[in-house]
């Protein structure tokens, strides 16, 4: 099989697939149109987020057997068209679930205990104790929306902090030793911390908006390591100003480019988030650890070999 690699990834992908006699070609710079002109020459493609695999792209990929995304989200692919054309879709959420879960916990601890703020103050000669009194995770009810790889890994860690973890998911019967499945209405009734672990779809676009926030009974901390467009930023900013959202931990933003490589919009809502003491923002790195880079790649290789390697 001839495979095109469109993004740089861990070298083990190339090493292990070459060892199994796959033919690999790398193209990290060609434009969308240029790749469209050559994609019919390939049986498989391995991607991250650089180029969208839309209907036009897929219809030109006349010999494509599979698309492998090194990561979890698949919104950059026209999934209905790919499935109609019989193209196998592969991703690797197992590879970065642990890094995402640790990132969630880390952001919450920093936010709720004012660690970054207090550290900077001391480094600048300011010694404030009462003003930096923290808020414990212990005893809080954490509500997760989505209970796949990321949600389960997050629940496992938060349960170790003495949190009661509940979650809502579109699939039934997912409760385990770390978290209990509830209706969305019950989650809104009980959650004191809300964390998103969902893909970006038509149904989840702007899931968190002014109506959703107003339906939360408690003032709450909010965490998003899923996708920026799961959240309507202007509604989040308004809730932060009113105190309904006590603080936000955002690894993803509505204003990111589709490649996730930078921001494409700068406005007053973004400025508020970046200036607020009650908001932590990181550059879409929750799934990016040294360990996850290797694990993401290994999961992809294992799945490709399972499906397409003939002894």
Protein backbone atom coordinates (compact mmCIF):
# COMPACT_ATOMS: atom_id res chain seq x y z
CA UNK A 1 0.00 0.00 0.00
CA UNK A 2 1.15 3.52 -0.81
CA UNK A 3 0.58 6.00 2.04
CA UNK A 4 0.83 9.81 2.03
CA UNK A 5 1.88 11.57 5.24
CA UNK A 6 0.57 15.15 5.25
CA UNK A 7 1.81 16.24 8.70
CA UNK A 8 4.94 15.69 10.74
CA UNK A 9 4.46 13.05 13.44
CA UNK A 10 6.59 10.76 15.58
CA UNK A 11 9.16 8.94 13.41
CA UNK A 12 8.00 5.54 14.65
CA UNK A 13 5.12 5.76 12.14
CA UNK A 14 7.54 5.81 9.24
CA UNK A 15 9.94 3.32 10.78
CA UNK A 16 7.36 0.69 11.63
CA UNK A 17 5.31 0.94 8.45
CA UNK A 18 8.40 0.83 6.24
CA UNK A 19 9.48 -2.29 8.12
CA UNK A 20 6.19 -3.90 7.05
CA UNK A 21 6.82 -2.98 3.38
CA UNK A 22 4.35 -0.12 3.10
CA UNK A 23 5.40 2.62 0.68
CA UNK A 24 5.46 6.02 2.36
CA UNK A 25 5.71 9.51 0.90
CA UNK A 26 5.85 12.74 2.91
CA UNK A 27 4.35 16.06 1.86
CA UNK A 28 4.31 18.65 4.62
CA UNK A 29 4.17 21.78 2.47
CA UNK A 30 1.89 21.36 -0.57
CA UNK A 31 -1.37 23.30 -0.66
CA UNK A 32 -4.83 21.77 -0.54
CA UNK A 33 -5.18 22.08 -4.33
CA UNK A 34 -1.79 20.52 -4.96
CA UNK A 35 -2.57 17.53 -2.75
CA UNK A 36 -5.96 17.12 -4.43
CA UNK A 37 -4.14 16.74 -7.75
CA UNK A 38 -2.05 13.79 -6.52
CA UNK A 39 -4.21 12.06 -3.89
CA UNK A 40 -5.56 9.50 -6.36
CA UNK A 41 -2.11 7.90 -6.32
CA UNK A 42 -2.42 6.80 -2.69
CA UNK A 43 -4.11 3.97 -0.81
CA UNK A 44 -3.91 5.67 2.57
CA UNK A 45 -3.31 9.08 4.13
CA UNK A 46 -2.05 9.96 7.61
CA UNK A 47 -3.00 13.42 8.86
CA UNK A 48 -3.23 15.74 11.83
CA UNK A 49 -5.07 18.95 10.93
CA UNK A 50 -3.19 20.83 8.19
CA UNK A 51 -5.50 20.06 5.24
CA UNK A 52 -9.29 19.53 5.33
CA UNK A 53 -10.44 16.26 3.78
CA UNK A 54 -13.73 17.54 2.40
CA UNK A 55 -16.10 16.13 -0.24
CA UNK A 56 -14.03 17.48 -3.13
CA UNK A 57 -10.83 15.99 -1.72
CA UNK A 58 -12.37 12.58 -1.02
CA UNK A 59 -13.98 12.29 -4.44
CA UNK A 60 -10.57 12.87 -6.04
CA UNK A 61 -9.02 10.20 -3.79
CA UNK A 62 -10.28 7.39 -6.00
CA UNK A 63 -8.01 4.69 -4.55
CA UNK A 64 -8.07 5.72 -0.90
CA UNK A 65 -8.63 2.80 1.50
CA UNK A 66 -8.12 4.62 4.80
CA UNK A 67 -7.62 7.96 6.54
CA UNK A 68 -5.66 7.87 9.79
CA UNK A 69 -5.83 10.93 12.06
CA UNK A 70 -3.07 11.16 14.65
CA UNK A 71 -5.34 12.50 17.39
CA UNK A 72 -8.95 12.23 18.49
CA UNK A 73 -11.12 14.77 16.66
CA UNK A 74 -12.33 13.95 13.15
CA UNK A 75 -14.16 17.19 12.29
CA UNK A 76 -11.63 17.99 9.56
CA UNK A 77 -12.94 15.01 7.58
CA UNK A 78 -16.27 14.80 5.73
CA UNK A 79 -17.21 11.60 7.53
CA UNK A 80 -20.49 10.84 5.69
CA UNK A 81 -18.76 11.10 2.31
CA UNK A 82 -15.82 9.00 3.48
CA UNK A 83 -18.14 6.30 4.78
CA UNK A 84 -20.19 6.35 1.57
CA UNK A 85 -16.99 5.85 -0.43
CA UNK A 86 -15.96 2.94 1.79
CA UNK A 87 -12.91 4.68 3.25
CA UNK A 88 -11.86 3.33 6.64
CA UNK A 89 -11.53 6.05 9.29
CA UNK A 90 -8.91 5.62 12.01
CA UNK A 91 -8.05 7.88 14.94
CA UNK A 92 -6.13 7.52 18.20
CA UNK A 93 -7.90 9.00 21.25
CA UNK A 94 -6.33 6.29 23.39
CA UNK A 95 -2.95 7.92 22.78
CA UNK A 96 -3.49 11.27 24.50
CA UNK A 97 -6.30 10.60 26.97
CA UNK A 98 -3.88 10.58 29.92
CA UNK A 99 -2.23 13.86 28.96
CA UNK A 100 -5.64 15.50 28.52
CA UNK A 101 -6.81 14.24 31.91
CA UNK A 102 -3.70 15.51 33.66
CA UNK A 103 -4.05 18.86 31.90
CA UNK A 104 -7.63 19.21 33.18
CA UNK A 105 -6.58 18.53 36.75
CA UNK A 106 -3.54 20.78 36.46
CA UNK A 107 -5.54 23.74 35.16
CA UNK A 108 -8.18 23.33 37.86
CA UNK A 109 -5.58 23.22 40.63
CA UNK A 110 -3.81 26.31 39.27
CA UNK A 111 -7.07 28.24 38.86
CA UNK A 112 -8.78 27.27 42.09
CA UNK A 113 -5.67 27.77 44.23
CA UNK A 114 -4.50 30.93 42.43
CA UNK A 115 -1.08 29.31 42.04
CA UNK A 116 0.06 31.24 38.98
CA UNK A 117 -1.17 34.56 40.35
CA UNK A 118 0.36 34.05 43.81
CA UNK A 119 3.68 32.88 42.37
CA UNK A 120 3.97 35.93 40.13
CA UNK A 121 3.08 38.21 43.03
CA UNK A 122 5.80 36.78 45.27
CA UNK A 123 8.35 37.03 42.44
CA UNK A 124 7.43 40.72 42.20
CA UNK A 125 7.82 41.35 45.92
CA UNK A 126 4.11 41.07 46.82
CA UNK A 127 3.19 38.79 49.75
CA UNK A 128 -0.59 38.32 50.00
CA UNK A 129 -2.13 35.42 51.90
CA UNK A 130 -5.80 36.09 52.51
CA UNK A 131 -6.23 37.48 49.00
CA UNK A 132 -4.92 34.18 47.62
CA UNK A 133 -7.05 31.82 49.70
CA UNK A 134 -7.87 28.80 47.51
CA UNK A 135 -10.87 26.60 46.87
CA UNK A 136 -10.57 22.81 47.25
CA UNK A 137 -11.57 20.16 44.74
CA UNK A 138 -12.34 17.80 47.62
CA UNK A 139 -16.07 17.21 47.95
CA UNK A 140 -17.08 19.01 44.78
CA UNK A 141 -19.42 17.48 42.21
CA UNK A 142 -17.76 17.47 38.80
CA UNK A 143 -19.95 17.11 35.73
CA UNK A 144 -18.41 15.76 32.54
CA UNK A 145 -20.11 16.00 29.17
CA UNK A 146 -18.83 13.10 27.12
CA UNK A 147 -17.50 9.85 28.57
CA UNK A 148 -15.17 8.41 25.97
CA UNK A 149 -11.43 8.02 26.37
CA UNK A 150 -10.83 11.56 27.63
CA UNK A 151 -13.82 11.68 29.95
CA UNK A 152 -13.01 8.35 31.60
CA UNK A 153 -9.37 9.26 32.14
CA UNK A 154 -10.40 12.59 33.67
CA UNK A 155 -12.97 10.97 35.96
CA UNK A 156 -10.37 8.49 37.20
CA UNK A 157 -8.07 11.27 38.30
CA UNK A 158 -10.71 13.55 39.79
CA UNK A 159 -12.21 10.70 41.80
CA UNK A 160 -8.81 10.44 43.48
CA UNK A 161 -9.20 14.03 44.68
CA UNK A 162 -12.38 13.13 46.53
CA UNK A 163 -14.71 14.58 43.91
CA UNK A 164 -18.10 13.10 43.12
CA UNK A 165 -17.97 12.69 39.35
CA UNK A 166 -21.11 12.53 37.23
CA UNK A 167 -21.38 12.60 33.45
CA UNK A 168 -23.77 12.83 30.53
CA UNK A 169 -23.21 10.93 27.29
CA UNK A 170 -25.37 10.11 24.28
CA UNK A 171 -24.51 6.41 24.69
CA UNK A 172 -26.23 4.50 27.53
CA UNK A 173 -24.92 2.37 30.40
CA UNK A 174 -21.41 3.80 30.71
CA UNK A 175 -21.22 4.21 34.51
CA UNK A 176 -18.14 2.74 36.17
CA UNK A 177 -16.25 2.88 39.47
CA UNK A 178 -15.11 6.45 38.80
CA UNK A 179 -18.28 8.21 37.61
CA UNK A 180 -22.07 7.90 37.44
CA UNK A 181 -24.10 8.56 34.30
CA UNK A 182 -26.95 11.07 34.68
CA UNK A 183 -29.32 13.01 32.49
CA UNK A 184 -28.23 16.40 31.22
CA UNK A 185 -30.87 17.95 33.47
CA UNK A 186 -29.41 16.26 36.57
CA UNK A 187 -25.91 17.31 35.61
CA UNK A 188 -27.05 20.94 35.35
CA UNK A 189 -28.71 20.57 38.75
CA UNK A 190 -25.70 19.18 40.62
CA UNK A 191 -22.41 20.11 38.92
CA UNK A 192 -20.05 22.60 40.58
CA UNK A 193 -17.34 22.01 37.97
CA UNK A 194 -18.18 21.41 34.30
CA UNK A 195 -15.71 19.84 31.86
CA UNK A 196 -16.23 19.10 28.15
CA UNK A 197 -15.00 15.89 26.48
CA UNK A 198 -16.98 15.84 23.24
CA UNK A 199 -16.30 16.03 19.50
CA UNK A 200 -17.32 18.99 17.38
CA UNK A 201 -20.49 18.15 15.45
CA UNK A 202 -23.59 20.03 14.34
CA UNK A 203 -25.19 19.00 17.64
CA UNK A 204 -22.30 20.13 19.86
CA UNK A 205 -21.46 23.40 18.08
CA UNK A 206 -22.11 26.14 20.67
CA UNK A 207 -23.47 23.56 23.10
CA UNK A 208 -22.36 25.87 25.90
CA UNK A 209 -24.28 29.08 25.28
CA UNK A 210 -26.21 31.57 27.39
CA UNK A 211 -29.20 29.25 27.71
CA UNK A 212 -27.09 26.29 28.86
CA UNK A 213 -25.19 28.43 31.37
CA UNK A 214 -28.40 29.91 32.79
CA UNK A 215 -29.75 26.39 33.35
CA UNK A 216 -26.84 25.49 35.63
CA UNK A 217 -28.14 25.67 39.20
CA UNK A 218 -24.77 26.36 40.82
CA UNK A 219 -22.14 28.94 40.07
CA UNK A 220 -19.43 26.74 38.56
CA UNK A 221 -15.91 26.37 37.26
CA UNK A 222 -15.68 25.56 33.56
CA UNK A 223 -13.07 23.51 31.69
CA UNK A 224 -12.76 23.02 27.94
CA UNK A 225 -10.12 20.73 26.45
CA UNK A 226 -12.44 19.55 23.64
CA UNK A 227 -13.00 22.01 20.80
CA UNK A 228 -13.24 25.80 20.91
CA UNK A 229 -16.46 25.96 18.92
CA UNK A 230 -18.25 23.80 21.51
CA UNK A 231 -18.53 27.09 23.41
CA UNK A 232 -20.08 30.42 22.45
CA UNK A 233 -17.36 32.71 23.76
CA UNK A 234 -19.49 35.82 24.19
CA UNK A 235 -21.86 33.87 26.47
CA UNK A 236 -18.96 32.52 28.52
CA UNK A 237 -17.50 36.01 28.91
CA UNK A 238 -20.84 37.42 30.06
CA UNK A 239 -21.18 34.60 32.61
CA UNK A 240 -17.66 35.26 33.91
CA UNK A 241 -18.48 38.96 34.33
CA UNK A 242 -21.64 38.08 36.27
CA UNK A 243 -19.89 35.48 38.43
CA UNK A 244 -22.09 32.63 37.21
CA UNK A 245 -18.91 31.04 35.88
CA UNK A 246 -16.45 31.36 38.77
CA UNK A 247 -13.45 30.67 36.56
CA UNK A 248 -12.58 29.04 33.26
CA UNK A 249 -9.78 26.73 32.12
CA UNK A 250 -9.54 26.89 28.34
CA UNK A 251 -7.11 24.85 26.28
CA UNK A 252 -9.13 25.51 23.13
CA UNK A 253 -10.74 28.65 21.78
CA UNK A 254 -13.52 29.43 19.35
CA UNK A 255 -11.13 31.67 17.45
CA UNK A 256 -8.51 29.05 16.49
CA UNK A 257 -7.66 28.29 12.90
CA UNK A 258 -8.93 24.94 11.67
CA UNK A 259 -5.32 23.70 11.74
CA UNK A 260 -5.13 24.67 15.46
CA UNK A 261 -1.79 26.36 14.73
CA UNK A 262 -2.80 29.88 15.76
CA UNK A 263 -5.67 32.27 16.42
CA UNK A 264 -7.44 33.86 13.47
CA UNK A 265 -9.66 36.35 15.31
CA UNK A 266 -8.85 39.00 17.91
CA UNK A 267 -11.78 40.75 19.57
CA UNK A 268 -12.96 42.17 22.90
CA UNK A 269 -14.21 38.80 24.18
CA UNK A 270 -10.82 37.21 23.58
CA UNK A 271 -9.09 40.18 25.21
CA UNK A 272 -11.29 39.74 28.28
CA UNK A 273 -10.34 36.07 28.57
CA UNK A 274 -6.65 36.82 28.22
CA UNK A 275 -6.76 39.65 30.78
CA UNK A 276 -8.93 37.94 33.41
CA UNK A 277 -7.43 36.57 36.62
CA UNK A 278 -10.23 33.98 36.62
CA UNK A 279 -9.27 32.43 33.28
CA UNK A 280 -6.39 30.16 32.32
CA UNK A 281 -5.70 29.80 28.60
CA UNK A 282 -3.29 27.33 27.01
CA UNK A 283 -2.55 26.91 23.25
CA UNK A 284 -4.37 23.63 22.46
CA UNK A 285 -1.73 21.52 24.21
CA UNK A 286 -3.77 19.35 26.59
CA UNK A 287 -3.07 16.31 24.44
CA UNK A 288 0.56 17.27 23.77
CA UNK A 289 3.07 15.60 26.06
CA UNK A 290 6.30 13.83 25.15
CA UNK A 291 4.61 10.57 26.03
CA UNK A 292 1.40 11.24 24.10
CA UNK A 293 3.28 12.06 20.90
CA UNK A 294 4.68 8.54 20.89
CA UNK A 295 1.49 6.87 22.10
CA UNK A 296 -0.68 8.63 19.49
CA UNK A 297 1.63 7.43 16.74
CA UNK A 298 1.84 3.88 18.07
CA UNK A 299 -1.94 3.55 18.28
CA UNK A 300 -2.24 4.68 14.65
CA UNK A 301 0.40 2.20 13.46
CA UNK A 302 -1.19 -0.65 15.41
CA UNK A 303 -4.62 0.07 13.91
CA UNK A 304 -3.28 0.35 10.36
CA UNK A 305 -1.40 -2.93 10.68
CA UNK A 306 -4.42 -4.66 12.19
CA UNK A 307 -6.59 -3.64 9.25
CA UNK A 308 -4.25 -3.65 6.27
CA UNK A 309 -1.09 -5.66 6.91
CA UNK A 310 -1.11 -9.05 5.20
CA UNK A 311 1.42 -11.59 6.50
